Amino acid sequence: MKNISLLLWLTQLGLSVAVPLGGFVLLGLWLHNSCGWGSWTVWAGIILGAYCAIEGFHSSLKNLQRMAGDDKQEQEPPVSFNEHE
């Protein structure tokens, strides 16, 4: 069951990278063609899409790592005010 959930997260990883990049590029192209704006809208779409794709990739990898159990804290909890000498 754990392998199926990791496979689903792998699909989510692909979607979180492809959808923002494609969506922002298409939005930039649409603004360029329909509204007559300059080609800077396409470049802005590429830059925003790449940034959102990288952020989506990063957050998906953090969630995959947490699900795999590799993100265990090995630090002791901090000493409270009344427990120190």
PDB file of N, CA and C in Angstrom:
ATOM      1  N   MET A   1       0.819  -1.192   0.000  1.00  0.00           N
ATOM      2  CA  MET A   1       0.000   0.000   0.000  1.00  0.00           C
ATOM      3  C   MET A   1       0.864   1.259   0.000  1.00  0.00           C
ATOM      4  N   LYS A   2       2.006   1.174   0.668  1.00  0.00           N
ATOM      5  CA  LYS A   2       2.889   2.331   0.723  1.00  0.00           C
ATOM      6  C   LYS A   2       3.465   2.630  -0.663  1.00  0.00           C
ATOM      7  N   ASN A   3       3.711   1.581  -1.458  1.00  0.00           N
ATOM      8  CA  ASN A   3       4.256   1.789  -2.797  1.00  0.00           C
ATOM      9  C   ASN A   3       3.253   2.488  -3.702  1.00  0.00           C
ATOM     10  N   ILE A   4       1.972   2.183  -3.545  1.00  0.00           N
ATOM     11  CA  ILE A   4       0.949   2.836  -4.357  1.00  0.00           C
ATOM     12  C   ILE A   4       0.857   4.310  -3.996  1.00  0.00           C
ATOM     13  N   SER A   5       0.929   4.624  -2.721  1.00  0.00           N
ATOM     14  CA  SER A   5       0.859   6.033  -2.331  1.00  0.00           C
ATOM     15  C   SER A   5       2.087   6.800  -2.815  1.00  0.00           C
ATOM     16  N   LEU A   6       3.255   6.147  -2.814  1.00  0.00           N
ATOM     17  CA  LEU A   6       4.443   6.811  -3.353  1.00  0.00           C
ATOM     18  C   LEU A   6       4.335   6.995  -4.863  1.00  0.00           C
ATOM     19  N   LEU A   7       3.694   6.047  -5.550  1.00  0.00           N
ATOM     20  CA  LEU A   7       3.481   6.189  -6.983  1.00  0.00           C
ATOM     21  C   LEU A   7       2.530   7.344  -7.278  1.00  0.00           C
ATOM     22  N   LEU A   8       1.513   7.514  -6.449  1.00  0.00           N
ATOM     23  CA  LEU A   8       0.607   8.639  -6.611  1.00  0.00           C
ATOM     24  C   LEU A   8       1.325   9.963  -6.367  1.00  0.00           C
ATOM     25  N   TRP A   9       2.210   9.995  -5.395  1.00  0.00           N
ATOM     26  CA  TRP A   9       2.973  11.216  -5.147  1.00  0.00           C
ATOM     27  C   TRP A   9       3.939  11.507  -6.289  1.00  0.00           C
ATOM     28  N   LEU A  10       4.430  10.459  -6.957  1.00  0.00           N
ATOM     29  CA  LEU A  10       5.291  10.660  -8.107  1.00  0.00           C
ATOM     30  C   LEU A  10       4.512  11.297  -9.253  1.00  0.00           C
ATOM     31  N   THR A  11       3.262  10.879  -9.426  1.00  0.00           N
ATOM     32  CA  THR A  11       2.393  11.515 -10.415  1.00  0.00           C
ATOM     33  C   THR A  11       2.140  12.967 -10.039  1.00  0.00           C
ATOM     34  N   GLN A  12       1.906  13.222  -8.783  1.00  0.00           N
ATOM     35  CA  GLN A  12       1.705  14.589  -8.306  1.00  0.00           C
ATOM     36  C   GLN A  12       2.946  15.435  -8.555  1.00  0.00           C
ATOM     37  N   LEU A  13       4.108  14.842  -8.415  1.00  0.00           N
ATOM     38  CA  LEU A  13       5.353  15.552  -8.678  1.00  0.00           C
ATOM     39  C   LEU A  13       5.414  16.007 -10.136  1.00  0.00           C
ATOM     40  N   GLY A  14       5.078  15.127 -11.043  1.00  0.00           N
ATOM     41  CA  GLY A  14       5.088  15.490 -12.459  1.00  0.00           C
ATOM     42  C   GLY A  14       4.080  16.578 -12.786  1.00  0.00           C
ATOM     43  N   LEU A  15       2.895  16.473 -12.201  1.00  0.00           N
ATOM     44  CA  LEU A  15       1.872  17.487 -12.453  1.00  0.00           C
ATOM     45  C   LEU A  15       2.245  18.831 -11.837  1.00  0.00           C
ATOM     46  N   SER A  16       2.867  18.818 -10.685  1.00  0.00           N
ATOM     47  CA  SER A  16       3.223  20.078 -10.031  1.00  0.00           C
ATOM     48  C   SER A  16       4.352  20.795 -10.760  1.00  0.00           C
ATOM     49  N   VAL A  17       5.058  20.100 -11.640  1.00  0.00           N
ATOM     50  CA  VAL A  17       6.095  20.739 -12.432  1.00  0.00           C
ATOM     51  C   VAL A  17       5.548  21.157 -13.801  1.00  0.00           C
ATOM     52  N   ALA A  18       4.763  20.295 -14.430  1.00  0.00           N
ATOM     53  CA  ALA A  18       4.322  20.552 -15.805  1.00  0.00           C
ATOM     54  C   ALA A  18       3.198  21.576 -15.898  1.00  0.00           C
ATOM     55  N   VAL A  19       2.231  21.514 -14.994  1.00  0.00           N
ATOM     56  CA  VAL A  19       1.053  22.381 -15.099  1.00  0.00           C
ATOM     57  C   VAL A  19       1.392  23.864 -14.909  1.00  0.00           C
ATOM     58  N   PRO A  20       2.158  24.265 -13.888  1.00  0.00           N
ATOM     59  CA  PRO A  20       2.466  25.694 -13.773  1.00  0.00           C
ATOM     60  C   PRO A  20       3.285  26.226 -14.949  1.00  0.00           C
ATOM     61  N   LEU A  21       4.258  25.451 -15.389  1.00  0.00           N
ATOM     62  CA  LEU A  21       5.089  25.906 -16.496  1.00  0.00           C
ATOM     63  C   LEU A  21       4.259  26.068 -17.760  1.00  0.00           C
ATOM     64  N   GLY A  22       3.496  25.046 -18.102  1.00  0.00           N
ATOM     65  CA  GLY A  22       2.661  25.127 -19.294  1.00  0.00           C
ATOM     66  C   GLY A  22       1.578  26.178 -19.181  1.00  0.00           C
ATOM     67  N   GLY A  23       0.974  26.305 -18.021  1.00  0.00           N
ATOM     68  CA  GLY A  23      -0.091  27.279 -17.824  1.00  0.00           C
ATOM     69  C   GLY A  23       0.377  28.711 -17.970  1.00  0.00           C
ATOM     70  N   PHE A  24       1.507  29.041 -17.382  1.00  0.00           N
ATOM     71  CA  PHE A  24       2.014  30.408 -17.478  1.00  0.00           C
ATOM     72  C   PHE A  24       2.517  30.732 -18.886  1.00  0.00           C
ATOM     73  N   VAL A  25       3.112  29.758 -19.554  1.00  0.00           N
ATOM     74  CA  VAL A  25       3.559  30.005 -20.927  1.00  0.00           C
ATOM     75  C   VAL A  25       2.356  30.217 -21.836  1.00  0.00           C
ATOM     76  N   LEU A  26       1.323  29.389 -21.680  1.00  0.00           N
ATOM     77  CA  LEU A  26       0.114  29.572 -22.481  1.00  0.00           C
ATOM     78  C   LEU A  26      -0.572  30.893 -22.166  1.00  0.00           C
ATOM     79  N   LEU A  27      -0.582  31.300 -20.922  1.00  0.00           N
ATOM     80  CA  LEU A  27      -1.153  32.591 -20.565  1.00  0.00           C
ATOM     81  C   LEU A  27      -0.366  33.737 -21.210  1.00  0.00           C
ATOM     82  N   GLY A  28       0.942  33.644 -21.213  1.00  0.00           N
ATOM     83  CA  GLY A  28       1.762  34.659 -21.863  1.00  0.00           C
ATOM     84  C   GLY A  28       1.525  34.714 -23.358  1.00  0.00           C
ATOM     85  N   LEU A  29       1.402  33.540 -23.982  1.00  0.00           N
ATOM     86  CA  LEU A  29       1.111  33.514 -25.415  1.00  0.00           C
ATOM     87  C   LEU A  29      -0.268  34.089 -25.716  1.00  0.00           C
ATOM     88  N   TRP A  30      -1.247  33.768 -24.889  1.00  0.00           N
ATOM     89  CA  TRP A  30      -2.594  34.280 -25.092  1.00  0.00           C
ATOM     90  C   TRP A  30      -2.629  35.804 -24.952  1.00  0.00           C
ATOM     91  N   LEU A  31      -1.950  36.328 -23.948  1.00  0.00           N
ATOM     92  CA  LEU A  31      -1.891  37.781 -23.780  1.00  0.00           C
ATOM     93  C   LEU A  31      -1.179  38.444 -24.949  1.00  0.00           C
ATOM     94  N   HIS A  32      -0.154  37.811 -25.467  1.00  0.00           N
ATOM     95  CA  HIS A  32       0.591  38.360 -26.594  1.00  0.00           C
ATOM     96  C   HIS A  32      -0.269  38.380 -27.861  1.00  0.00           C
ATOM     97  N   ASN A  33      -1.009  37.299 -28.106  1.00  0.00           N
ATOM     98  CA  ASN A  33      -1.778  37.191 -29.344  1.00  0.00           C
ATOM     99  C   ASN A  33      -3.112  37.923 -29.295  1.00  0.00           C
ATOM    100  N   SER A  34      -3.841  37.795 -28.200  1.00  0.00           N
ATOM    101  CA  SER A  34      -5.194  38.362 -28.185  1.00  0.00           C
ATOM    102  C   SER A  34      -5.227  39.829 -27.771  1.00  0.00           C
ATOM    103  N   CYS A  35      -4.377  40.212 -26.857  1.00  0.00           N
ATOM    104  CA  CYS A  35      -4.395  41.599 -26.366  1.00  0.00           C
ATOM    105  C   CYS A  35      -3.397  42.488 -27.087  1.00  0.00           C
ATOM    106  N   GLY A  36      -2.519  41.901 -27.865  1.00  0.00           N
ATOM    107  CA  GLY A  36      -1.541  42.690 -28.593  1.00  0.00           C
ATOM    108  C   GLY A  36      -0.412  43.214 -27.735  1.00  0.00           C
ATOM    109  N   TRP A  37      -0.202  42.622 -26.587  1.00  0.00           N
ATOM    110  CA  TRP A  37       0.898  43.050 -25.737  1.00  0.00           C
ATOM    111  C   TRP A  37       2.203  42.569 -26.334  1.00  0.00           C
ATOM    112  N   GLY A  38       3.291  43.081 -25.842  1.00  0.00           N
ATOM    113  CA  GLY A  38       4.608  42.751 -26.384  1.00  0.00           C
ATOM    114  C   GLY A  38       5.030  41.325 -26.067  1.00  0.00           C
ATOM    115  N   SER A  39       6.189  40.975 -26.591  1.00  0.00           N
ATOM    116  CA  SER A  39       6.696  39.617 -26.362  1.00  0.00           C
ATOM    117  C   SER A  39       7.204  39.424 -24.936  1.00  0.00           C
ATOM    118  N   TRP A  40       7.222  40.501 -24.175  1.00  0.00           N
ATOM    119  CA  TRP A  40       7.659  40.374 -22.784  1.00  0.00           C
ATOM    120  C   TRP A  40       6.684  39.516 -21.975  1.00  0.00           C
ATOM    121  N   THR A  41       5.423  39.430 -22.422  1.00  0.00           N
ATOM    122  CA  THR A  41       4.462  38.602 -21.685  1.00  0.00           C
ATOM    123  C   THR A  41       4.815  37.121 -21.775  1.00  0.00           C
ATOM    124  N   VAL A  42       5.354  36.721 -22.933  1.00  0.00           N
ATOM    125  CA  VAL A  42       5.773  35.324 -23.087  1.00  0.00           C
ATOM    126  C   VAL A  42       6.960  35.044 -22.179  1.00  0.00           C
ATOM    127  N   TRP A  43       7.913  35.970 -22.154  1.00  0.00           N
ATOM    128  CA  TRP A  43       9.082  35.785 -21.285  1.00  0.00           C
ATOM    129  C   TRP A  43       8.690  35.817 -19.808  1.00  0.00           C
ATOM    130  N   ALA A  44       7.755  36.682 -19.466  1.00  0.00           N
ATOM    131  CA  ALA A  44       7.280  36.711 -18.073  1.00  0.00           C
ATOM    132  C   ALA A  44       6.586  35.402 -17.727  1.00  0.00           C
ATOM    133  N   GLY A  45       5.832  34.847 -18.671  1.00  0.00           N
ATOM    134  CA  GLY A  45       5.189  33.553 -18.445  1.00  0.00           C
ATOM    135  C   GLY A  45       6.189  32.434 -18.266  1.00  0.00           C
ATOM    136  N   ILE A  46       7.256  32.473 -19.046  1.00  0.00           N
ATOM    137  CA  ILE A  46       8.298  31.446 -18.920  1.00  0.00           C
ATOM    138  C   ILE A  46       8.986  31.556 -17.560  1.00  0.00           C
ATOM    139  N   ILE A  47       9.305  32.773 -17.154  1.00  0.00           N
ATOM    140  CA  ILE A  47      10.009  32.963 -15.874  1.00  0.00           C
ATOM    141  C   ILE A  47       9.112  32.600 -14.703  1.00  0.00           C
ATOM    142  N   LEU A  48       7.860  33.076 -14.706  1.00  0.00           N
ATOM    143  CA  LEU A  48       6.941  32.731 -13.615  1.00  0.00           C
ATOM    144  C   LEU A  48       6.638  31.245 -13.590  1.00  0.00           C
ATOM    145  N   GLY A  49       6.469  30.655 -14.763  1.00  0.00           N
ATOM    146  CA  GLY A  49       6.210  29.213 -14.831  1.00  0.00           C
ATOM    147  C   GLY A  49       7.368  28.394 -14.311  1.00  0.00           C
ATOM    148  N   ALA A  50       8.589  28.792 -14.664  1.00  0.00           N
ATOM    149  CA  ALA A  50       9.761  28.066 -14.184  1.00  0.00           C
ATOM    150  C   ALA A  50       9.896  28.194 -12.674  1.00  0.00           C
ATOM    151  N   TYR A  51       9.636  29.394 -12.154  1.00  0.00           N
ATOM    152  CA  TYR A  51       9.729  29.584 -10.702  1.00  0.00           C
ATOM    153  C   TYR A  51       8.692  28.722  -9.972  1.00  0.00           C
ATOM    154  N   CYS A  52       7.461  28.746 -10.457  1.00  0.00           N
ATOM    155  CA  CYS A  52       6.406  27.945  -9.815  1.00  0.00           C
ATOM    156  C   CYS A  52       6.672  26.451  -9.966  1.00  0.00           C
ATOM    157  N   ALA A  53       7.245  26.043 -11.095  1.00  0.00           N
ATOM    158  CA  ALA A  53       7.578  24.628 -11.290  1.00  0.00           C
ATOM    159  C   ALA A  53       8.673  24.193 -10.321  1.00  0.00           C
ATOM    160  N   ILE A  54       9.667  25.050 -10.111  1.00  0.00           N
ATOM    161  CA  ILE A  54      10.742  24.704  -9.175  1.00  0.00           C
ATOM    162  C   ILE A  54      10.203  24.627  -7.749  1.00  0.00           C
ATOM    163  N   GLU A  55       9.341  25.564  -7.377  1.00  0.00           N
ATOM    164  CA  GLU A  55       8.742  25.522  -6.035  1.00  0.00           C
ATOM    165  C   GLU A  55       7.870  24.283  -5.855  1.00  0.00           C
ATOM    166  N   GLY A  56       7.091  23.927  -6.876  1.00  0.00           N
ATOM    167  CA  GLY A  56       6.272  22.719  -6.811  1.00  0.00           C
ATOM    168  C   GLY A  56       7.113  21.467  -6.714  1.00  0.00           C
ATOM    169  N   PHE A  57       8.213  21.431  -7.451  1.00  0.00           N
ATOM    170  CA  PHE A  57       9.139  20.303  -7.394  1.00  0.00           C
ATOM    171  C   PHE A  57       9.744  20.173  -6.002  1.00  0.00           C
ATOM    172  N   HIS A  58      10.137  21.300  -5.437  1.00  0.00           N
ATOM    173  CA  HIS A  58      10.758  21.297  -4.114  1.00  0.00           C
ATOM    174  C   HIS A  58       9.773  20.823  -3.040  1.00  0.00           C
ATOM    175  N   SER A  59       8.558  21.342  -3.064  1.00  0.00           N
ATOM    176  CA  SER A  59       7.588  20.945  -2.036  1.00  0.00           C
ATOM    177  C   SER A  59       7.149  19.491  -2.214  1.00  0.00           C
ATOM    178  N   SER A  60       7.056  19.022  -3.451  1.00  0.00           N
ATOM    179  CA  SER A  60       6.697  17.620  -3.661  1.00  0.00           C
ATOM    180  C   SER A  60       7.798  16.689  -3.175  1.00  0.00           C
ATOM    181  N   LEU A  61       9.042  17.062  -3.405  1.00  0.00           N
ATOM    182  CA  LEU A  61      10.140  16.228  -2.914  1.00  0.00           C
ATOM    183  C   LEU A  61      10.195  16.196  -1.396  1.00  0.00           C
ATOM    184  N   LYS A  62       9.888  17.323  -0.752  1.00  0.00           N
ATOM    185  CA  LYS A  62       9.855  17.334   0.711  1.00  0.00           C
ATOM    186  C   LYS A  62       8.752  16.425   1.233  1.00  0.00           C
ATOM    187  N   ASN A  63       7.590  16.447   0.578  1.00  0.00           N
ATOM    188  CA  ASN A  63       6.502  15.576   1.004  1.00  0.00           C
ATOM    189  C   ASN A  63       6.824  14.108   0.748  1.00  0.00           C
ATOM    190  N   LEU A  64       7.463  13.804  -0.377  1.00  0.00           N
ATOM    191  CA  LEU A  64       7.872  12.418  -0.646  1.00  0.00           C
ATOM    192  C   LEU A  64       8.870  11.931   0.393  1.00  0.00           C
ATOM    193  N   GLN A  65       9.794  12.789   0.765  1.00  0.00           N
ATOM    194  CA  GLN A  65      10.795  12.412   1.764  1.00  0.00           C
ATOM    195  C   GLN A  65      10.131  12.178   3.120  1.00  0.00           C
ATOM    196  N   ARG A  66       9.166  13.017   3.458  1.00  0.00           N
ATOM    197  CA  ARG A  66       8.464  12.845   4.730  1.00  0.00           C
ATOM    198  C   ARG A  66       7.652  11.552   4.730  1.00  0.00           C
ATOM    199  N   MET A  67       7.031  11.229   3.588  1.00  0.00           N
ATOM    200  CA  MET A  67       6.248   9.989   3.516  1.00  0.00           C
ATOM    201  C   MET A  67       7.136   8.755   3.577  1.00  0.00           C
ATOM    202  N   ALA A  68       8.343   8.847   3.047  1.00  0.00           N
ATOM    203  CA  ALA A  68       9.248   7.708   3.055  1.00  0.00           C
ATOM    204  C   ALA A  68       9.845   7.471   4.439  1.00  0.00           C
ATOM    205  N   GLY A  69       9.720   8.445   5.336  1.00  0.00           N
ATOM    206  CA  GLY A  69      10.216   8.267   6.691  1.00  0.00           C
ATOM    207  C   GLY A  69      11.661   8.661   6.867  1.00  0.00           C
ATOM    208  N   ASP A  70      12.223   9.389   5.914  1.00  0.00           N
ATOM    209  CA  ASP A  70      13.623   9.794   6.014  1.00  0.00           C
ATOM    210  C   ASP A  70      13.804  11.077   6.796  1.00  0.00           C
ATOM    211  N   ASP A  71      12.730  11.727   7.170  1.00  0.00           N
ATOM    212  CA  ASP A  71      12.813  13.044   7.810  1.00  0.00           C
ATOM    213  C   ASP A  71      12.583  12.930   9.314  1.00  0.00           C
ATOM    214  N   LYS A  72      13.369  12.086   9.952  1.00  0.00           N
ATOM    215  CA  LYS A  72      13.199  11.890  11.391  1.00  0.00           C
ATOM    216  C   LYS A  72      14.105  12.848  12.143  1.00  0.00           C
ATOM    217  N   GLN A  73      13.544  13.412  13.173  1.00  0.00           N
ATOM    218  CA  GLN A  73      14.329  14.323  13.985  1.00  0.00           C
ATOM    219  C   GLN A  73      15.085  13.528  15.038  1.00  0.00           C
ATOM    220  N   GLU A  74      16.369  13.774  15.119  1.00  0.00           N
ATOM    221  CA  GLU A  74      17.193  13.068  16.092  1.00  0.00           C
ATOM    222  C   GLU A  74      17.680  13.998  17.178  1.00  0.00           C
ATOM    223  N   GLN A  75      17.106  15.180  17.258  1.00  0.00           N
ATOM    224  CA  GLN A  75      17.487  16.117  18.298  1.00  0.00           C
ATOM    225  C   GLN A  75      16.619  15.890  19.527  1.00  0.00           C
ATOM    226  N   GLU A  76      17.220  16.170  20.674  1.00  0.00           N
ATOM    227  CA  GLU A  76      16.451  16.115  21.902  1.00  0.00           C
ATOM    228  C   GLU A  76      15.610  17.378  21.996  1.00  0.00           C
ATOM    229  N   PRO A  77      14.463  17.290  22.639  1.00  0.00           N
ATOM    230  CA  PRO A  77      13.665  18.508  22.767  1.00  0.00           C
ATOM    231  C   PRO A  77      14.396  19.528  23.629  1.00  0.00           C
ATOM    232  N   PRO A  78      14.161  20.803  23.404  1.00  0.00           N
ATOM    233  CA  PRO A  78      14.865  21.817  24.182  1.00  0.00           C
ATOM    234  C   PRO A  78      14.466  21.767  25.653  1.00  0.00           C
ATOM    235  N   VAL A  79      15.361  22.216  26.505  1.00  0.00           N
ATOM    236  CA  VAL A  79      15.125  22.217  27.941  1.00  0.00           C
ATOM    237  C   VAL A  79      14.190  23.374  28.277  1.00  0.00           C
ATOM    238  N   SER A  80      13.159  23.059  29.047  1.00  0.00           N
ATOM    239  CA  SER A  80      12.234  24.135  29.421  1.00  0.00           C
ATOM    240  C   SER A  80      12.821  24.962  30.562  1.00  0.00           C
ATOM    241  N   PHE A  81      12.161  26.019  30.909  1.00  0.00           N
ATOM    242  CA  PHE A  81      12.684  26.958  31.883  1.00  0.00           C
ATOM    243  C   PHE A  81      12.879  26.308  33.250  1.00  0.00           C
ATOM    244  N   ASN A  82      11.956  25.461  33.671  1.00  0.00           N
ATOM    245  CA  ASN A  82      12.022  24.880  35.007  1.00  0.00           C
ATOM    246  C   ASN A  82      12.910  23.662  35.098  1.00  0.00           C
ATOM    247  N   GLU A  83      13.390  23.118  33.996  1.00  0.00           N
ATOM    248  CA  GLU A  83      14.174  21.888  34.019  1.00  0.00           C
ATOM    249  C   GLU A  83      15.682  22.115  33.956  1.00  0.00           C
ATOM    250  N   HIS A  84      16.151  23.305  33.805  1.00  0.00           N
ATOM    251  CA  HIS A  84      17.595  23.508  33.733  1.00  0.00           C
ATOM    252  C   HIS A  84      18.134  23.871  35.121  1.00  0.00           C
ATOM    253  N   GLU A  85      19.423  23.691  35.263  1.00  0.00           N
ATOM    254  CA  GLU A  85      20.031  23.922  36.576  1.00  0.00           C
ATOM    255  C   GLU A  85      20.800  25.197  36.619  1.00  0.00           C
TER     256      GLU A  85
END
